[in-house]
C-alpha atoms as a PDB file:
ATOM      1  CA  UNK A   1     -57.831   8.079 -78.881  1.00  0.00           C
ATOM      2  CA  UNK A   2     -55.225   7.153 -76.124  1.00  0.00           C
ATOM      3  CA  UNK A   3     -56.936   8.570 -73.138  1.00  0.00           C
ATOM      4  CA  UNK A   4     -56.855   7.828 -69.386  1.00  0.00           C
ATOM      5  CA  UNK A   5     -59.636   8.557 -67.149  1.00  0.00           C
ATOM      6  CA  UNK A   6     -59.028   8.991 -63.040  1.00  0.00           C
ATOM      7  CA  UNK A   7     -62.058   8.825 -60.979  1.00  0.00           C
ATOM      8  CA  UNK A   8     -61.247  10.174 -57.442  1.00  0.00           C
ATOM      9  CA  UNK A   9     -63.443   8.315 -55.176  1.00  0.00           C
ATOM     10  CA  UNK A  10     -60.989   8.205 -51.995  1.00  0.00           C
ATOM     11  CA  UNK A  11     -62.063  10.980 -49.693  1.00  0.00           C
ATOM     12  CA  UNK A  12     -65.093  11.206 -47.713  1.00  0.00           C
ATOM     13  CA  UNK A  13     -67.265  14.030 -48.488  1.00  0.00           C
ATOM     14  CA  UNK A  14     -67.640  16.718 -45.850  1.00  0.00           C
ATOM     15  CA  UNK A  15     -70.664  16.208 -43.493  1.00  0.00           C
ATOM     16  CA  UNK A  16     -71.461  13.090 -45.167  1.00  0.00           C
ATOM     17  CA  UNK A  17     -69.017  10.376 -43.646  1.00  0.00           C
ATOM     18  CA  UNK A  18     -71.489   8.953 -41.465  1.00  0.00           C
ATOM     19  CA  UNK A  19     -73.403   7.331 -44.554  1.00  0.00           C
ATOM     20  CA  UNK A  20     -70.191   6.105 -46.336  1.00  0.00           C
ATOM     21  CA  UNK A  21     -68.403   6.569 -49.456  1.00  0.00           C
ATOM     22  CA  UNK A  22     -70.484   8.802 -51.854  1.00  0.00           C
ATOM     23  CA  UNK A  23     -69.554   6.766 -54.695  1.00  0.00           C
ATOM     24  CA  UNK A  24     -70.722   3.539 -53.398  1.00  0.00           C
ATOM     25  CA  UNK A  25     -74.184   4.853 -52.703  1.00  0.00           C
ATOM     26  CA  UNK A  26     -76.918   3.699 -55.073  1.00  0.00           C
ATOM     27  CA  UNK A  27     -78.025   5.988 -57.820  1.00  0.00           C
ATOM     28  CA  UNK A  28     -80.799   3.625 -59.006  1.00  0.00           C
ATOM     29  CA  UNK A  29     -82.008   0.086 -58.264  1.00  0.00           C
ATOM     30  CA  UNK A  30     -79.164  -1.530 -60.051  1.00  0.00           C
ATOM     31  CA  UNK A  31     -76.145   0.453 -59.729  1.00  0.00           C
ATOM     32  CA  UNK A  32     -74.135   2.619 -57.568  1.00  0.00           C
ATOM     33  CA  UNK A  33     -72.900   6.115 -58.511  1.00  0.00           C
ATOM     34  CA  UNK A  34     -69.550   4.726 -59.130  1.00  0.00           C
ATOM     35  CA  UNK A  35     -70.740   2.127 -61.313  1.00  0.00           C
ATOM     36  CA  UNK A  36     -72.949   4.521 -63.431  1.00  0.00           C
ATOM     37  CA  UNK A  37     -69.922   6.634 -63.760  1.00  0.00           C
ATOM     38  CA  UNK A  38     -67.968   3.590 -65.486  1.00  0.00           C
ATOM     39  CA  UNK A  39     -71.191   2.749 -67.691  1.00  0.00           C
ATOM     40  CA  UNK A  40     -71.428   6.288 -68.929  1.00  0.00           C
ATOM     41  CA  UNK A  41     -67.860   6.829 -69.783  1.00  0.00           C
ATOM     42  CA  UNK A  42     -67.369   3.476 -71.177  1.00  0.00           C
ATOM     43  CA  UNK A  43     -70.396   4.118 -73.495  1.00  0.00           C
ATOM     44  CA  UNK A  44     -68.481   7.301 -74.991  1.00  0.00           C
ATOM     45  CA  UNK A  45     -64.808   6.233 -74.585  1.00  0.00           C
ATOM     46  CA  UNK A  46     -64.994   2.777 -75.167  1.00  0.00           C
ATOM     47  CA  UNK A  47     -61.242   2.275 -75.363  1.00  0.00           C
ATOM     48  CA  UNK A  48     -60.169   4.654 -72.572  1.00  0.00           C
ATOM     49  CA  UNK A  49     -58.207   3.336 -69.546  1.00  0.00           C
ATOM     50  CA  UNK A  50     -60.203   3.997 -66.190  1.00  0.00           C
ATOM     51  CA  UNK A  51     -58.539   4.300 -63.007  1.00  0.00           C
ATOM     52  CA  UNK A  52     -60.332   4.491 -59.822  1.00  0.00           C
ATOM     53  CA  UNK A  53     -58.660   5.889 -56.786  1.00  0.00           C
ATOM     54  CA  UNK A  54     -59.934   4.693 -53.345  1.00  0.00           C
ATOM     55  CA  UNK A  55     -59.387   5.019 -49.655  1.00  0.00           C
ATOM     56  CA  UNK A  56     -62.084   5.662 -47.484  1.00  0.00           C
ATOM     57  CA  UNK A  57     -64.141   2.317 -47.249  1.00  0.00           C
ATOM     58  CA  UNK A  58     -61.523   0.506 -49.192  1.00  0.00           C
ATOM     59  CA  UNK A  59     -62.896  -3.002 -48.757  1.00  0.00           C
ATOM     60  CA  UNK A  60     -66.273  -2.055 -50.075  1.00  0.00           C
ATOM     61  CA  UNK A  61     -64.994  -0.411 -53.127  1.00  0.00           C
ATOM     62  CA  UNK A  62     -62.684  -3.462 -53.784  1.00  0.00           C
ATOM     63  CA  UNK A  63     -65.611  -5.956 -53.699  1.00  0.00           C
ATOM     64  CA  UNK A  64     -67.797  -3.751 -55.906  1.00  0.00           C
ATOM     65  CA  UNK A  65     -65.025  -3.319 -58.628  1.00  0.00           C
ATOM     66  CA  UNK A  66     -64.129  -6.869 -58.406  1.00  0.00           C
ATOM     67  CA  UNK A  67     -66.445  -7.723 -61.096  1.00  0.00           C
ATOM     68  CA  UNK A  68     -64.737  -5.284 -63.767  1.00  0.00           C
ATOM     69  CA  UNK A  69     -61.784  -6.965 -65.510  1.00  0.00           C
ATOM     70  CA  UNK A  70     -60.811  -3.625 -67.287  1.00  0.00           C
ATOM     71  CA  UNK A  71     -60.998  -1.224 -64.397  1.00  0.00           C
ATOM     72  CA  UNK A  72     -57.697  -0.260 -62.514  1.00  0.00           C
ATOM     73  CA  UNK A  73     -57.976   0.307 -58.829  1.00  0.00           C
ATOM     74  CA  UNK A  74     -55.421   2.160 -56.710  1.00  0.00           C
ATOM     75  CA  UNK A  75     -55.616   2.439 -53.086  1.00  0.00           C
ATOM     76  CA  UNK A  76     -53.848   4.992 -50.799  1.00  0.00           C
ATOM     77  CA  UNK A  77     -54.026   5.401 -46.990  1.00  0.00           C
ATOM     78  CA  UNK A  78     -56.369   8.569 -46.211  1.00  0.00           C
ATOM     79  CA  UNK A  79     -54.684  10.293 -43.496  1.00  0.00           C
ATOM     80  CA  UNK A  80     -55.740  13.679 -41.778  1.00  0.00           C
ATOM     81  CA  UNK A  81     -53.691  15.587 -44.545  1.00  0.00           C
ATOM     82  CA  UNK A  82     -54.837  13.787 -47.499  1.00  0.00           C
ATOM     83  CA  UNK A  83     -56.966  15.288 -50.253  1.00  0.00           C
ATOM     84  CA  UNK A  84     -57.835  15.113 -53.781  1.00  0.00           C
ATOM     85  CA  UNK A  85     -54.465  16.020 -54.978  1.00  0.00           C
ATOM     86  CA  UNK A  86     -52.855  13.092 -53.296  1.00  0.00           C
ATOM     87  CA  UNK A  87     -55.406  10.760 -55.134  1.00  0.00           C
ATOM     88  CA  UNK A  88     -54.823  12.266 -58.413  1.00  0.00           C
ATOM     89  CA  UNK A  89     -51.011  11.841 -58.096  1.00  0.00           C
ATOM     90  CA  UNK A  90     -51.599   7.954 -56.763  1.00  0.00           C
ATOM     91  CA  UNK A  91     -53.926   7.603 -60.018  1.00  0.00           C
ATOM     92  CA  UNK A  92     -51.913   9.166 -62.483  1.00  0.00           C
ATOM     93  CA  UNK A  93     -48.567   7.341 -61.565  1.00  0.00           C
ATOM     94  CA  UNK A  94     -50.341   3.910 -62.878  1.00  0.00           C
ATOM     95  CA  UNK A  95     -51.928   5.805 -66.344  1.00  0.00           C
ATOM     96  CA  UNK A  96     -50.345   4.572 -69.346  1.00  0.00           C
ATOM     97  CA  UNK A  97     -51.454   7.490 -71.545  1.00  0.00           C
ATOM     98  CA  UNK A  98     -50.202  11.145 -71.925  1.00  0.00           C
ATOM     99  CA  UNK A  99     -53.977  12.695 -71.981  1.00  0.00           C
ATOM    100  CA  UNK A 100     -55.932  12.607 -68.973  1.00  0.00           C
ATOM    101  CA  UNK A 101     -59.249  13.234 -67.512  1.00  0.00           C
ATOM    102  CA  UNK A 102     -59.607  13.693 -63.668  1.00  0.00           C
ATOM    103  CA  UNK A 103     -62.762  14.212 -61.656  1.00  0.00           C
ATOM    104  CA  UNK A 104     -64.182  13.603 -58.286  1.00  0.00           C
ATOM    105  CA  UNK A 105     -66.765  10.966 -58.004  1.00  0.00           C
ATOM    106  CA  UNK A 106     -69.370  13.167 -56.287  1.00  0.00           C
ATOM    107  CA  UNK A 107     -69.845  15.025 -59.599  1.00  0.00           C
ATOM    108  CA  UNK A 108     -72.685  13.460 -61.543  1.00  0.00           C
ATOM    109  CA  UNK A 109     -72.498  13.742 -65.426  1.00  0.00           C
ATOM    110  CA  UNK A 110     -74.583  11.925 -67.813  1.00  0.00           C
ATOM    111  CA  UNK A 111     -73.630  10.339 -71.280  1.00  0.00           C
ATOM    112  CA  UNK A 112     -74.342  13.530 -73.115  1.00  0.00           C
ATOM    113  CA  UNK A 113     -71.584  15.440 -70.664  1.00  0.00           C
ATOM    114  CA  UNK A 114     -69.099  12.920 -71.818  1.00  0.00           C
ATOM    115  CA  UNK A 115     -69.905  13.185 -75.559  1.00  0.00           C
ATOM    116  CA  UNK A 116     -69.311  16.783 -75.685  1.00  0.00           C
ATOM    117  CA  UNK A 117     -65.909  16.371 -73.894  1.00  0.00           C
ATOM    118  CA  UNK A 118     -64.975  13.796 -76.519  1.00  0.00           C
ATOM    119  CA  UNK A 119     -64.726  16.537 -79.276  1.00  0.00           C
ATOM    120  CA  UNK A 120     -62.730  18.701 -77.157  1.00  0.00           C
ATOM    121  CA  UNK A 121     -59.701  16.694 -76.277  1.00  0.00           C
ATOM    122  CA  UNK A 122     -56.819  18.621 -78.168  1.00  0.00           C
ATOM    123  CA  UNK A 123     -56.025  21.102 -75.142  1.00  0.00           C
ATOM    124  CA  UNK A 124     -55.730  21.220 -71.416  1.00  0.00           C
ATOM    125  CA  UNK A 125     -59.417  22.359 -70.254  1.00  0.00           C
ATOM    126  CA  UNK A 126     -61.363  23.122 -67.336  1.00  0.00           C
ATOM    127  CA  UNK A 127     -65.027  22.313 -67.663  1.00  0.00           C
ATOM    128  CA  UNK A 128     -67.302  24.982 -66.602  1.00  0.00           C
ATOM    129  CA  UNK A 129     -71.099  25.186 -66.705  1.00  0.00           C
ATOM    130  CA  UNK A 130     -73.190  28.385 -67.112  1.00  0.00           C
ATOM    131  CA  UNK A 131     -76.499  26.617 -66.591  1.00  0.00           C
ATOM    132  CA  UNK A 132     -78.567  28.526 -64.230  1.00  0.00           C
ATOM    133  CA  UNK A 133     -79.578  25.279 -62.676  1.00  0.00           C
ATOM    134  CA  UNK A 134     -75.954  23.984 -61.917  1.00  0.00           C
ATOM    135  CA  UNK A 135     -74.739  25.144 -58.559  1.00  0.00           C
ATOM    136  CA  UNK A 136     -71.145  24.642 -57.420  1.00  0.00           C
ATOM    137  CA  UNK A 137     -69.262  26.125 -54.749  1.00  0.00           C
ATOM    138  CA  UNK A 138     -65.985  27.043 -56.612  1.00  0.00           C
ATOM    139  CA  UNK A 139     -65.774  29.152 -59.760  1.00  0.00           C
ATOM    140  CA  UNK A 140     -63.109  30.832 -62.019  1.00  0.00           C
ATOM    141  CA  UNK A 141     -62.060  33.877 -63.351  1.00  0.00           C
ATOM    142  CA  UNK A 142     -61.221  33.787 -67.063  1.00  0.00           C
ATOM    143  CA  UNK A 143     -59.150  35.949 -69.501  1.00  0.00           C
ATOM    144  CA  UNK A 144     -59.686  35.592 -73.137  1.00  0.00           C
ATOM    145  CA  UNK A 145     -60.003  31.880 -73.674  1.00  0.00           C
ATOM    146  CA  UNK A 146     -57.990  30.856 -70.723  1.00  0.00           C
ATOM    147  CA  UNK A 147     -58.537  30.084 -67.009  1.00  0.00           C
ATOM    148  CA  UNK A 148     -57.130  32.634 -64.763  1.00  0.00           C
ATOM    149  CA  UNK A 149     -57.934  31.514 -61.208  1.00  0.00           C
ATOM    150  CA  UNK A 150     -60.169  29.215 -59.406  1.00  0.00           C
ATOM    151  CA  UNK A 151     -61.614  29.643 -56.062  1.00  0.00           C
ATOM    152  CA  UNK A 152     -64.804  29.885 -53.928  1.00  0.00           C
ATOM    153  CA  UNK A 153     -67.535  32.195 -54.884  1.00  0.00           C
ATOM    154  CA  UNK A 154     -66.054  33.395 -58.315  1.00  0.00           C
ATOM    155  CA  UNK A 155     -68.633  33.662 -61.153  1.00  0.00           C
ATOM    156  CA  UNK A 156     -67.958  30.939 -63.770  1.00  0.00           C
ATOM    157  CA  UNK A 157     -68.882  27.802 -62.065  1.00  0.00           C
ATOM    158  CA  UNK A 158     -66.640  24.889 -62.133  1.00  0.00           C
ATOM    159  CA  UNK A 159     -67.567  21.226 -62.707  1.00  0.00           C
ATOM    160  CA  UNK A 160     -64.434  20.149 -61.094  1.00  0.00           C
ATOM    161  CA  UNK A 161     -63.874  17.984 -64.257  1.00  0.00           C
ATOM    162  CA  UNK A 162     -60.511  18.686 -65.915  1.00  0.00           C
ATOM    163  CA  UNK A 163     -58.588  17.432 -69.144  1.00  0.00           C
ATOM    164  CA  UNK A 164     -54.831  17.564 -69.021  1.00  0.00           C
ATOM    165  CA  UNK A 165     -52.534  17.066 -71.645  1.00  0.00           C
ATOM    166  CA  UNK A 166     -48.775  15.659 -71.613  1.00  0.00           C
ATOM    167  CA  UNK A 167     -47.010  18.921 -70.630  1.00  0.00           C
ATOM    168  CA  UNK A 168     -49.353  19.445 -67.406  1.00  0.00           C
ATOM    169  CA  UNK A 169     -49.205  15.784 -66.705  1.00  0.00           C
ATOM    170  CA  UNK A 170     -45.254  15.582 -67.115  1.00  0.00           C
ATOM    171  CA  UNK A 171     -44.798  18.749 -64.786  1.00  0.00           C
ATOM    172  CA  UNK A 172     -46.891  17.720 -62.200  1.00  0.00           C
ATOM    173  CA  UNK A 173     -45.263  14.042 -62.026  1.00  0.00           C
ATOM    174  CA  UNK A 174     -41.915  15.588 -62.080  1.00  0.00           C
ATOM    175  CA  UNK A 175     -42.293  18.096 -59.238  1.00  0.00           C
ATOM    176  CA  UNK A 176     -44.977  16.640 -56.867  1.00  0.00           C
ATOM    177  CA  UNK A 177     -43.749  16.651 -53.284  1.00  0.00           C
ATOM    178  CA  UNK A 178     -45.867  15.251 -50.443  1.00  0.00           C
ATOM    179  CA  UNK A 179     -47.069  18.860 -48.976  1.00  0.00           C
ATOM    180  CA  UNK A 180     -49.150  19.055 -52.368  1.00  0.00           C
ATOM    181  CA  UNK A 181     -51.029  15.996 -51.284  1.00  0.00           C
ATOM    182  CA  UNK A 182     -53.192  18.314 -48.809  1.00  0.00           C
ATOM    183  CA  UNK A 183     -54.562  20.444 -51.788  1.00  0.00           C
ATOM    184  CA  UNK A 184     -58.054  20.250 -53.197  1.00  0.00           C
ATOM    185  CA  UNK A 185     -57.815  19.331 -56.984  1.00  0.00           C
ATOM    186  CA  UNK A 186     -58.729  23.049 -57.984  1.00  0.00           C
ATOM    187  CA  UNK A 187     -55.678  24.231 -56.308  1.00  0.00           C
ATOM    188  CA  UNK A 188     -53.487  22.268 -58.193  1.00  0.00           C
ATOM    189  CA  UNK A 189     -55.053  23.059 -61.283  1.00  0.00           C
ATOM    190  CA  UNK A 190     -54.264  26.699 -60.480  1.00  0.00           C
ATOM    191  CA  UNK A 191     -50.857  25.574 -60.229  1.00  0.00           C
ATOM    192  CA  UNK A 192     -50.514  23.964 -63.321  1.00  0.00           C
ATOM    193  CA  UNK A 193     -52.115  27.045 -65.177  1.00  0.00           C
ATOM    194  CA  UNK A 194     -49.179  28.930 -64.081  1.00  0.00           C
ATOM    195  CA  UNK A 195     -46.819  26.381 -65.997  1.00  0.00           C
ATOM    196  CA  UNK A 196     -48.839  26.300 -69.296  1.00  0.00           C
ATOM    197  CA  UNK A 197     -51.974  27.708 -70.447  1.00  0.00           C
ATOM    198  CA  UNK A 198     -55.314  26.010 -69.356  1.00  0.00           C
ATOM    199  CA  UNK A 199     -58.278  26.874 -71.356  1.00  0.00           C
ATOM    200  CA  UNK A 200     -62.075  26.733 -70.325  1.00  0.00           C
ATOM    201  CA  UNK A 201     -65.092  24.880 -72.127  1.00  0.00           C
ATOM    202  CA  UNK A 202     -68.337  25.793 -71.104  1.00  0.00           C
ATOM    203  CA  UNK A 203     -70.484  22.504 -71.511  1.00  0.00           C
ATOM    204  CA  UNK A 204     -74.205  23.357 -70.427  1.00  0.00           C
ATOM    205  CA  UNK A 205     -75.511  20.086 -69.247  1.00  0.00           C
ATOM    206  CA  UNK A 206     -77.318  18.297 -66.573  1.00  0.00           C
ATOM    207  CA  UNK A 207     -74.407  18.216 -64.182  1.00  0.00           C
ATOM    208  CA  UNK A 208     -74.978  17.647 -60.583  1.00  0.00           C
ATOM    209  CA  UNK A 209     -72.403  17.858 -57.473  1.00  0.00           C
ATOM    210  CA  UNK A 210     -73.479  16.030 -54.402  1.00  0.00           C
ATOM    211  CA  UNK A 211     -72.012  18.012 -51.477  1.00  0.00           C
ATOM    212  CA  UNK A 212     -74.752  16.785 -48.766  1.00  0.00           C
ATOM    213  CA  UNK A 213     -77.617  14.538 -48.131  1.00  0.00           C
ATOM    214  CA  UNK A 214     -79.874  16.701 -49.600  1.00  0.00           C
ATOM    215  CA  UNK A 215     -77.951  16.950 -52.861  1.00  0.00           C
ATOM    216  CA  UNK A 216     -77.974  13.044 -52.844  1.00  0.00           C
ATOM    217  CA  UNK A 217     -81.704  12.839 -52.423  1.00  0.00           C
ATOM    218  CA  UNK A 218     -82.404  15.355 -55.333  1.00  0.00           C
ATOM    219  CA  UNK A 219     -79.987  13.359 -57.668  1.00  0.00           C
ATOM    220  CA  UNK A 220     -81.812   9.741 -56.853  1.00  0.00           C
ATOM    221  CA  UNK A 221     -85.149  11.442 -58.035  1.00  0.00           C
ATOM    222  CA  UNK A 222     -83.884  12.933 -61.293  1.00  0.00           C
ATOM    223  CA  UNK A 223     -83.241  10.306 -63.977  1.00  0.00           C
ATOM    224  CA  UNK A 224     -82.125  13.133 -66.300  1.00  0.00           C
ATOM    225  CA  UNK A 225     -78.558  13.400 -64.382  1.00  0.00           C
ATOM    226  CA  UNK A 226     -77.661   9.926 -65.145  1.00  0.00           C
END
């Protein structure tokens, strides 16, 4: 399968800038969160192209990734208006494939999660999680099998993991303009949904999103998440 995976690890998590880049924090005694992402993804998608997009704490990230020969690293200057969409654009520009998974590094997912996505790669999908234990600030409204709209507080909780096919990728790259760079990733997905159908996939799994120090402390105590 010719697949690219973009890990957005560029933006400081709101309220956590003082402790550094979330993706560089240790998740166990041997690995950082970013390294665990790489390990889990490669165990399922062993031939996938992995692109890490960095910005915040660039030198530390470069040092960490220097031991990986098969990981592409893209840096962009984080400015006041920068957001996930800017990082997505910079990562997508270096991808060599027409199928792409993109997610923010603060979404912690285990091997089982990636295995379930592996067999659902024929359509553009937004991953939701209906587990009562999963907590997310953003959700979606759905119609038939399609994503209708994504925003804060909506019922079908979004993991912020998206799989895009060639049609959506081409449209985004061809029409990208700098003001889009200030958008959250889900805002860009809303735009792409209007261009072509975006389906949803409910993957019930031990996914965890780190939005605070409290979240981080929880994740390091639960091996099931990693």
